[in-house]
Amino acid sequence: MLNPTLKVQLGLNDDQVREFKEAFDIFDEDYSGTVSTGELAKVMGTLGHNIDEAEVGVMISEVDSDGSGEIDFSEFCTLMARQLEKADPEFEYKKAFKIFDKRGDGFIDHAELKHVMNNINEEMSDAEITAMIKEADTDNDGKLNYDEFLNIMLAK
């Protein structure tokens, strides 16, 4: 249904992929395996989104990797994942966490935090970095997970 690698890159779970497939099948009125600007604009209108074909065309062009002017299911999932991100109130915090999480392992360790702080001209000693992590590290594993990072961001 959806390339497992793309699913992970987009941060989608099985339920979301299933829901997107059901929606895609509704959008794909002519059963061509792709969704055109007209088909997408029509369904968006039905869903109460006042959007014209030109705006839908822009949305499609952002994810239309093969340049066909239509989107296949993988491209549709990319579009929908972007829409989900934009609707997520924590979207900016998640983006910031990814910037700090250089290794992409879901944690911010001492070296990653120091690297980012130095890059934004916030010179901090190792002791200050350690203290900052210790203050927010509720599970005492020596690094920050997303929830711990979020607590710091929301405390400001």
N, C-alpha and C. Protein backbone atom coordinates (compact mmCIF):
# COMPACT_ATOMS: atom_id res chain seq x y z
N MET A 1 0.84 -1.19 0.00
CA MET A 1 0.00 0.00 0.00
C MET A 1 0.88 1.25 0.00
N LEU A 2 1.75 1.40 1.02
CA LEU A 2 2.65 2.55 1.08
C LEU A 2 4.03 2.02 1.44
N ASN A 3 5.04 2.50 0.73
CA ASN A 3 6.41 2.12 0.99
C ASN A 3 6.72 2.30 2.48
N PRO A 4 7.18 1.25 3.16
CA PRO A 4 7.44 1.34 4.61
C PRO A 4 8.44 2.45 4.96
N THR A 5 9.42 2.67 4.12
CA THR A 5 10.41 3.72 4.38
C THR A 5 9.73 5.09 4.35
N LEU A 6 8.87 5.32 3.35
CA LEU A 6 8.16 6.60 3.25
C LEU A 6 7.22 6.77 4.44
N LYS A 7 6.59 5.69 4.85
CA LYS A 7 5.68 5.74 6.01
C LYS A 7 6.43 6.24 7.24
N VAL A 8 7.63 5.72 7.45
CA VAL A 8 8.44 6.14 8.60
C VAL A 8 8.88 7.60 8.44
N GLN A 9 9.34 7.96 7.23
CA GLN A 9 9.78 9.33 6.98
C GLN A 9 8.67 10.34 7.24
N LEU A 10 7.45 9.96 6.89
CA LEU A 10 6.31 10.86 7.08
C LEU A 10 5.77 10.81 8.50
N GLY A 11 6.22 9.83 9.29
CA GLY A 11 5.76 9.71 10.67
C GLY A 11 4.32 9.24 10.78
N LEU A 12 3.91 8.38 9.86
CA LEU A 12 2.52 7.91 9.85
C LEU A 12 2.41 6.53 10.50
N ASN A 13 1.26 6.28 11.14
CA ASN A 13 1.01 4.94 11.67
C ASN A 13 0.06 4.20 10.72
N ASP A 14 -0.16 2.92 11.00
CA ASP A 14 -0.99 2.09 10.11
C ASP A 14 -2.41 2.62 9.97
N ASP A 15 -2.99 3.11 11.08
CA ASP A 15 -4.35 3.64 11.02
C ASP A 15 -4.43 4.86 10.11
N GLN A 16 -3.44 5.73 10.20
CA GLN A 16 -3.44 6.92 9.35
C GLN A 16 -3.31 6.53 7.88
N VAL A 17 -2.44 5.58 7.58
CA VAL A 17 -2.27 5.14 6.19
C VAL A 17 -3.58 4.55 5.68
N ARG A 18 -4.25 3.77 6.51
CA ARG A 18 -5.54 3.17 6.12
C ARG A 18 -6.58 4.25 5.84
N GLU A 19 -6.64 5.26 6.74
CA GLU A 19 -7.58 6.36 6.55
C GLU A 19 -7.26 7.15 5.28
N PHE A 20 -5.97 7.39 5.03
CA PHE A 20 -5.56 8.11 3.83
C PHE A 20 -5.93 7.31 2.58
N LYS A 21 -5.82 5.99 2.65
CA LYS A 21 -6.16 5.16 1.49
C LYS A 21 -7.66 5.25 1.21
N GLU A 22 -8.46 5.23 2.26
CA GLU A 22 -9.91 5.36 2.08
C GLU A 22 -10.25 6.71 1.46
N ALA A 23 -9.60 7.76 1.96
CA ALA A 23 -9.85 9.11 1.42
C ALA A 23 -9.36 9.19 -0.03
N PHE A 24 -8.19 8.63 -0.30
CA PHE A 24 -7.63 8.65 -1.65
C PHE A 24 -8.60 7.98 -2.63
N ASP A 25 -9.14 6.85 -2.22
CA ASP A 25 -10.07 6.12 -3.09
C ASP A 25 -11.33 6.95 -3.36
N ILE A 26 -11.74 7.76 -2.39
CA ILE A 26 -12.89 8.65 -2.61
C ILE A 26 -12.52 9.74 -3.60
N PHE A 27 -11.32 10.33 -3.43
CA PHE A 27 -10.86 11.40 -4.32
C PHE A 27 -10.68 10.89 -5.76
N ASP A 28 -10.21 9.66 -5.89
CA ASP A 28 -9.92 9.08 -7.20
C ASP A 28 -11.21 8.59 -7.86
N GLU A 29 -12.01 9.56 -8.31
CA GLU A 29 -13.35 9.26 -8.84
C GLU A 29 -13.32 8.39 -10.09
N ASP A 30 -12.26 8.52 -10.90
CA ASP A 30 -12.22 7.75 -12.15
C ASP A 30 -11.39 6.47 -12.02
N TYR A 31 -10.99 6.13 -10.79
CA TYR A 31 -10.24 4.89 -10.50
C TYR A 31 -8.95 4.76 -11.32
N SER A 32 -8.29 5.89 -11.57
CA SER A 32 -7.07 5.88 -12.37
C SER A 32 -5.82 5.59 -11.54
N GLY A 33 -5.96 5.62 -10.22
CA GLY A 33 -4.80 5.44 -9.36
C GLY A 33 -4.09 6.75 -9.06
N THR A 34 -4.65 7.83 -9.60
CA THR A 34 -4.12 9.17 -9.32
C THR A 34 -5.29 10.10 -9.05
N VAL A 35 -4.97 11.23 -8.40
CA VAL A 35 -5.98 12.24 -8.10
C VAL A 35 -5.58 13.51 -8.84
N SER A 36 -6.52 14.06 -9.60
CA SER A 36 -6.27 15.28 -10.35
C SER A 36 -6.65 16.50 -9.51
N THR A 37 -6.27 17.67 -9.98
CA THR A 37 -6.63 18.90 -9.26
C THR A 37 -8.15 19.03 -9.18
N GLY A 38 -8.83 18.70 -10.26
CA GLY A 38 -10.29 18.80 -10.27
C GLY A 38 -10.94 17.88 -9.26
N GLU A 39 -10.46 16.64 -9.21
CA GLU A 39 -11.02 15.68 -8.25
C GLU A 39 -10.78 16.14 -6.81
N LEU A 40 -9.56 16.60 -6.54
CA LEU A 40 -9.24 17.02 -5.19
C LEU A 40 -10.01 18.28 -4.80
N ALA A 41 -10.14 19.24 -5.72
CA ALA A 41 -10.89 20.48 -5.43
C ALA A 41 -12.35 20.17 -5.15
N LYS A 42 -12.93 19.25 -5.91
CA LYS A 42 -14.32 18.89 -5.73
C LYS A 42 -14.58 18.30 -4.34
N VAL A 43 -13.73 17.37 -3.95
CA VAL A 43 -13.92 16.73 -2.66
C VAL A 43 -13.62 17.70 -1.52
N MET A 44 -12.60 18.54 -1.68
CA MET A 44 -12.30 19.54 -0.65
C MET A 44 -13.50 20.46 -0.45
N GLY A 45 -14.14 20.84 -1.55
CA GLY A 45 -15.34 21.67 -1.46
C GLY A 45 -16.46 20.96 -0.72
N THR A 46 -16.62 19.68 -1.00
CA THR A 46 -17.62 18.88 -0.32
C THR A 46 -17.36 18.82 1.18
N LEU A 47 -16.09 18.84 1.55
CA LEU A 47 -15.71 18.78 2.95
C LEU A 47 -15.74 20.15 3.63
N GLY A 48 -16.18 21.17 2.89
CA GLY A 48 -16.33 22.50 3.47
C GLY A 48 -15.12 23.40 3.33
N HIS A 49 -14.11 22.97 2.59
CA HIS A 49 -12.93 23.80 2.37
C HIS A 49 -13.16 24.62 1.11
N ASN A 50 -13.22 25.93 1.27
CA ASN A 50 -13.44 26.82 0.14
C ASN A 50 -12.11 27.03 -0.58
N ILE A 51 -11.81 26.14 -1.50
CA ILE A 51 -10.52 26.15 -2.18
C ILE A 51 -10.75 25.93 -3.67
N ASP A 52 -10.08 26.73 -4.49
CA ASP A 52 -10.29 26.56 -5.94
C ASP A 52 -9.22 25.65 -6.55
N GLU A 53 -9.42 25.31 -7.83
CA GLU A 53 -8.51 24.38 -8.50
C GLU A 53 -7.09 24.91 -8.55
N ALA A 54 -6.91 26.24 -8.67
CA ALA A 54 -5.57 26.81 -8.72
C ALA A 54 -4.83 26.55 -7.40
N GLU A 55 -5.52 26.75 -6.27
CA GLU A 55 -4.91 26.50 -4.97
C GLU A 55 -4.58 25.01 -4.81
N VAL A 56 -5.50 24.17 -5.24
CA VAL A 56 -5.26 22.72 -5.19
C VAL A 56 -4.07 22.37 -6.07
N GLY A 57 -3.97 23.03 -7.22
CA GLY A 57 -2.83 22.80 -8.12
C GLY A 57 -1.50 23.10 -7.45
N VAL A 58 -1.47 24.15 -6.66
CA VAL A 58 -0.25 24.49 -5.92
C VAL A 58 0.06 23.40 -4.90
N MET A 59 -0.98 22.95 -4.18
CA MET A 59 -0.79 21.88 -3.19
C MET A 59 -0.25 20.62 -3.87
N ILE A 60 -0.82 20.28 -5.00
CA ILE A 60 -0.38 19.08 -5.72
C ILE A 60 1.05 19.24 -6.23
N SER A 61 1.38 20.42 -6.76
CA SER A 61 2.72 20.62 -7.31
C SER A 61 3.81 20.48 -6.25
N GLU A 62 3.46 20.77 -5.00
CA GLU A 62 4.44 20.65 -3.92
C GLU A 62 4.84 19.20 -3.65
N VAL A 63 3.97 18.25 -4.00
CA VAL A 63 4.26 16.84 -3.71
C VAL A 63 4.33 15.97 -4.96
N ASP A 64 4.09 16.55 -6.11
CA ASP A 64 4.04 15.81 -7.37
C ASP A 64 5.45 15.50 -7.85
N SER A 65 6.05 14.44 -7.31
CA SER A 65 7.45 14.14 -7.57
C SER A 65 7.72 13.73 -9.02
N ASP A 66 6.72 13.20 -9.72
CA ASP A 66 6.96 12.80 -11.11
C ASP A 66 6.50 13.85 -12.13
N GLY A 67 5.96 14.96 -11.64
CA GLY A 67 5.58 16.07 -12.53
C GLY A 67 4.39 15.79 -13.43
N SER A 68 3.54 14.85 -13.05
CA SER A 68 2.42 14.46 -13.89
C SER A 68 1.22 15.42 -13.79
N GLY A 69 1.21 16.27 -12.76
CA GLY A 69 0.06 17.15 -12.54
C GLY A 69 -1.04 16.47 -11.74
N GLU A 70 -0.81 15.23 -11.42
CA GLU A 70 -1.73 14.46 -10.58
C GLU A 70 -0.90 13.79 -9.49
N ILE A 71 -1.55 13.33 -8.44
CA ILE A 71 -0.79 12.68 -7.38
C ILE A 71 -1.24 11.24 -7.21
N ASP A 72 -0.24 10.37 -7.00
CA ASP A 72 -0.54 8.97 -6.70
C ASP A 72 -0.67 8.82 -5.19
N PHE A 73 -0.86 7.61 -4.72
CA PHE A 73 -1.13 7.42 -3.29
C PHE A 73 0.04 7.87 -2.41
N SER A 74 1.27 7.58 -2.82
CA SER A 74 2.44 8.00 -2.02
C SER A 74 2.50 9.52 -1.92
N GLU A 75 2.28 10.19 -3.03
CA GLU A 75 2.29 11.65 -3.04
C GLU A 75 1.13 12.21 -2.21
N PHE A 76 -0.01 11.53 -2.27
CA PHE A 76 -1.18 11.93 -1.47
C PHE A 76 -0.85 11.83 0.01
N CYS A 77 -0.18 10.75 0.42
CA CYS A 77 0.20 10.58 1.82
C CYS A 77 1.16 11.69 2.26
N THR A 78 2.07 12.07 1.38
CA THR A 78 2.99 13.16 1.68
C THR A 78 2.21 14.45 1.90
N LEU A 79 1.26 14.73 1.02
CA LEU A 79 0.42 15.93 1.15
C LEU A 79 -0.37 15.90 2.45
N MET A 80 -0.99 14.78 2.76
CA MET A 80 -1.80 14.67 3.96
C MET A 80 -0.94 14.78 5.22
N ALA A 81 0.26 14.19 5.21
CA ALA A 81 1.15 14.29 6.37
C ALA A 81 1.53 15.75 6.61
N ARG A 82 1.76 16.50 5.54
CA ARG A 82 2.08 17.94 5.68
C ARG A 82 0.89 18.70 6.26
N GLN A 83 -0.31 18.34 5.82
CA GLN A 83 -1.50 18.99 6.35
C GLN A 83 -1.67 18.68 7.84
N LEU A 84 -1.38 17.44 8.22
CA LEU A 84 -1.47 17.06 9.63
C LEU A 84 -0.47 17.86 10.46
N GLU A 85 0.75 17.99 9.94
CA GLU A 85 1.77 18.77 10.65
C GLU A 85 1.32 20.20 10.87
N LYS A 86 0.76 20.80 9.83
CA LYS A 86 0.33 22.20 9.92
C LYS A 86 -0.80 22.36 10.93
N ALA A 87 -1.62 21.32 11.08
CA ALA A 87 -2.75 21.39 12.01
C ALA A 87 -2.32 21.07 13.45
N ASP A 88 -1.11 20.56 13.62
CA ASP A 88 -0.62 20.15 14.93
C ASP A 88 -0.11 21.36 15.71
N PRO A 89 -0.70 21.65 16.88
CA PRO A 89 -0.25 22.82 17.65
C PRO A 89 1.21 22.71 18.10
N GLU A 90 1.75 21.50 18.17
CA GLU A 90 3.13 21.29 18.57
C GLU A 90 4.10 21.26 17.39
N PHE A 91 3.61 21.55 16.20
CA PHE A 91 4.42 21.44 14.98
C PHE A 91 5.76 22.15 15.10
N GLU A 92 5.76 23.39 15.56
CA GLU A 92 7.01 24.16 15.67
C GLU A 92 7.96 23.54 16.69
N TYR A 93 7.41 23.03 17.79
CA TYR A 93 8.24 22.38 18.80
C TYR A 93 8.87 21.10 18.25
N LYS A 94 8.10 20.35 17.49
CA LYS A 94 8.63 19.11 16.89
C LYS A 94 9.75 19.43 15.91
N LYS A 95 9.57 20.50 15.12
CA LYS A 95 10.64 20.91 14.21
C LYS A 95 11.89 21.31 14.98
N ALA A 96 11.71 22.05 16.06
CA ALA A 96 12.85 22.48 16.88
C ALA A 96 13.54 21.27 17.50
N PHE A 97 12.77 20.30 17.98
CA PHE A 97 13.36 19.11 18.57
C PHE A 97 14.24 18.39 17.55
N LYS A 98 13.75 18.30 16.31
CA LYS A 98 14.52 17.62 15.26
C LYS A 98 15.83 18.35 14.98
N ILE A 99 15.83 19.66 15.12
CA ILE A 99 17.06 20.43 14.91
C ILE A 99 18.09 20.07 15.99
N PHE A 100 17.65 19.96 17.23
CA PHE A 100 18.54 19.60 18.33
C PHE A 100 18.97 18.14 18.25
N ASP A 101 18.06 17.27 17.84
CA ASP A 101 18.30 15.82 17.79
C ASP A 101 19.08 15.47 16.53
N LYS A 102 20.36 15.82 16.51
CA LYS A 102 21.21 15.65 15.32
C LYS A 102 21.30 14.20 14.86
N ARG A 103 21.32 13.27 15.80
CA ARG A 103 21.45 11.86 15.44
C ARG A 103 20.13 11.24 14.99
N GLY A 104 19.03 11.93 15.28
CA GLY A 104 17.72 11.42 14.89
C GLY A 104 17.30 10.20 15.68
N ASP A 105 17.80 10.08 16.91
CA ASP A 105 17.48 8.90 17.72
C ASP A 105 16.36 9.14 18.73
N GLY A 106 15.76 10.36 18.66
CA GLY A 106 14.65 10.66 19.56
C GLY A 106 15.08 11.25 20.90
N PHE A 107 16.36 11.56 21.03
CA PHE A 107 16.89 12.13 22.26
C PHE A 107 17.86 13.27 21.96
N ILE A 108 17.98 14.18 22.91
CA ILE A 108 18.98 15.24 22.83
C ILE A 108 19.97 14.97 23.95
N ASP A 109 21.21 14.68 23.58
CA ASP A 109 22.22 14.44 24.61
C ASP A 109 23.08 15.68 24.80
N HIS A 110 24.04 15.56 25.69
CA HIS A 110 24.91 16.68 26.06
C HIS A 110 25.59 17.29 24.83
N ALA A 111 26.19 16.44 24.00
CA ALA A 111 26.94 16.93 22.82
C ALA A 111 26.01 17.65 21.84
N GLU A 112 24.82 17.10 21.62
CA GLU A 112 23.87 17.73 20.68
C GLU A 112 23.41 19.09 21.19
N LEU A 113 23.09 19.15 22.48
CA LEU A 113 22.63 20.42 23.06
C LEU A 113 23.75 21.46 23.01
N LYS A 114 24.95 21.06 23.35
CA LYS A 114 26.08 21.99 23.32
C LYS A 114 26.33 22.49 21.90
N HIS A 115 26.27 21.58 20.92
CA HIS A 115 26.49 21.95 19.52
C HIS A 115 25.49 23.02 19.07
N VAL A 116 24.22 22.80 19.33
CA VAL A 116 23.19 23.76 18.91
C VAL A 116 23.35 25.08 19.65
N MET A 117 23.58 25.02 20.95
CA MET A 117 23.72 26.26 21.72
C MET A 117 24.91 27.07 21.21
N ASN A 118 26.01 26.42 20.89
CA ASN A 118 27.17 27.13 20.34
C ASN A 118 26.85 27.73 18.98
N ASN A 119 26.08 27.01 18.17
CA ASN A 119 25.73 27.50 16.83
C ASN A 119 24.81 28.72 16.87
N ILE A 120 24.08 28.88 17.95
CA ILE A 120 23.22 30.07 18.06
C ILE A 120 23.87 31.12 18.98
N ASN A 121 25.19 30.99 19.12
CA ASN A 121 25.99 31.94 19.89
C ASN A 121 25.59 32.04 21.36
N GLU A 122 25.14 30.92 21.91
CA GLU A 122 24.87 30.82 23.34
C GLU A 122 25.98 29.97 23.95
N GLU A 123 27.11 30.60 24.21
CA GLU A 123 28.25 29.88 24.76
C GLU A 123 27.90 29.39 26.16
N MET A 124 27.93 28.07 26.34
CA MET A 124 27.61 27.48 27.64
C MET A 124 28.71 26.49 28.00
N SER A 125 29.07 26.47 29.26
CA SER A 125 30.08 25.52 29.71
C SER A 125 29.47 24.12 29.79
N ASP A 126 30.34 23.12 29.88
CA ASP A 126 29.84 21.75 30.04
C ASP A 126 29.00 21.61 31.30
N ALA A 127 29.40 22.30 32.36
CA ALA A 127 28.64 22.25 33.62
C ALA A 127 27.24 22.85 33.44
N GLU A 128 27.15 23.94 32.67
CA GLU A 128 25.84 24.57 32.43
C GLU A 128 24.95 23.66 31.58
N ILE A 129 25.53 23.02 30.57
CA ILE A 129 24.77 22.07 29.73
C ILE A 129 24.27 20.91 30.59
N THR A 130 25.15 20.36 31.41
CA THR A 130 24.79 19.24 32.28
C THR A 130 23.66 19.65 33.23
N ALA A 131 23.77 20.84 33.80
CA ALA A 131 22.73 21.33 34.72
C ALA A 131 21.40 21.52 34.00
N MET A 132 21.46 22.03 32.79
CA MET A 132 20.24 22.25 32.01
C MET A 132 19.54 20.92 31.73
N ILE A 133 20.32 19.92 31.33
CA ILE A 133 19.74 18.60 31.06
C ILE A 133 19.20 17.99 32.35
N LYS A 134 19.99 18.07 33.43
CA LYS A 134 19.57 17.47 34.70
C LYS A 134 18.26 18.05 35.20
N GLU A 135 18.08 19.35 35.02
CA GLU A 135 16.86 20.01 35.48
C GLU A 135 15.61 19.50 34.76
N ALA A 136 15.75 19.18 33.48
CA ALA A 136 14.59 18.77 32.68
C ALA A 136 14.46 17.26 32.54
N ASP A 137 15.51 16.52 32.88
CA ASP A 137 15.57 15.08 32.65
C ASP A 137 14.78 14.32 33.71
N THR A 138 13.48 14.21 33.53
CA THR A 138 12.60 13.61 34.55
C THR A 138 12.80 12.10 34.70
N ASP A 139 13.29 11.42 33.67
CA ASP A 139 13.51 9.98 33.80
C ASP A 139 14.97 9.64 34.13
N ASN A 140 15.78 10.67 34.34
CA ASN A 140 17.17 10.52 34.79
C ASN A 140 18.02 9.60 33.92
N ASP A 141 17.83 9.69 32.60
CA ASP A 141 18.66 8.88 31.70
C ASP A 141 19.82 9.68 31.11
N GLY A 142 19.96 10.94 31.50
CA GLY A 142 21.09 11.75 31.05
C GLY A 142 20.88 12.44 29.72
N LYS A 143 19.70 12.31 29.17
CA LYS A 143 19.38 12.96 27.90
C LYS A 143 17.91 13.38 27.92
N LEU A 144 17.54 14.19 26.95
CA LEU A 144 16.17 14.70 26.89
C LEU A 144 15.38 14.02 25.79
N ASN A 145 14.21 13.49 26.14
CA ASN A 145 13.29 12.99 25.11
C ASN A 145 12.38 14.15 24.71
N TYR A 146 11.48 13.91 23.79
CA TYR A 146 10.64 15.00 23.29
C TYR A 146 9.79 15.63 24.40
N ASP A 147 9.19 14.81 25.25
CA ASP A 147 8.33 15.36 26.31
C ASP A 147 9.12 16.25 27.27
N GLU A 148 10.33 15.83 27.60
CA GLU A 148 11.16 16.64 28.48
C GLU A 148 11.55 17.96 27.80
N PHE A 149 11.88 17.87 26.51
CA PHE A 149 12.20 19.06 25.73
C PHE A 149 10.99 20.00 25.69
N LEU A 150 9.80 19.45 25.47
CA LEU A 150 8.58 20.24 25.40
C LEU A 150 8.32 20.96 26.72
N ASN A 151 8.58 20.28 27.83
CA ASN A 151 8.40 20.93 29.14
C ASN A 151 9.29 22.15 29.28
N ILE A 152 10.51 22.07 28.77
CA ILE A 152 11.42 23.23 28.81
C ILE A 152 10.84 24.35 27.96
N MET A 153 10.40 24.02 26.76
CA MET A 153 9.89 25.03 25.83
C MET A 153 8.63 25.71 26.37
N LEU A 154 7.77 24.94 27.00
CA LEU A 154 6.51 25.49 27.51
C LEU A 154 6.69 26.24 28.82
N ALA A 155 7.81 26.01 29.50
CA ALA A 155 8.09 26.69 30.76
C ALA A 155 8.53 28.13 30.54
N LYS A 156 8.99 28.44 29.34
CA LYS A 156 9.50 29.80 29.05
C LYS A 156 8.39 30.80 28.97
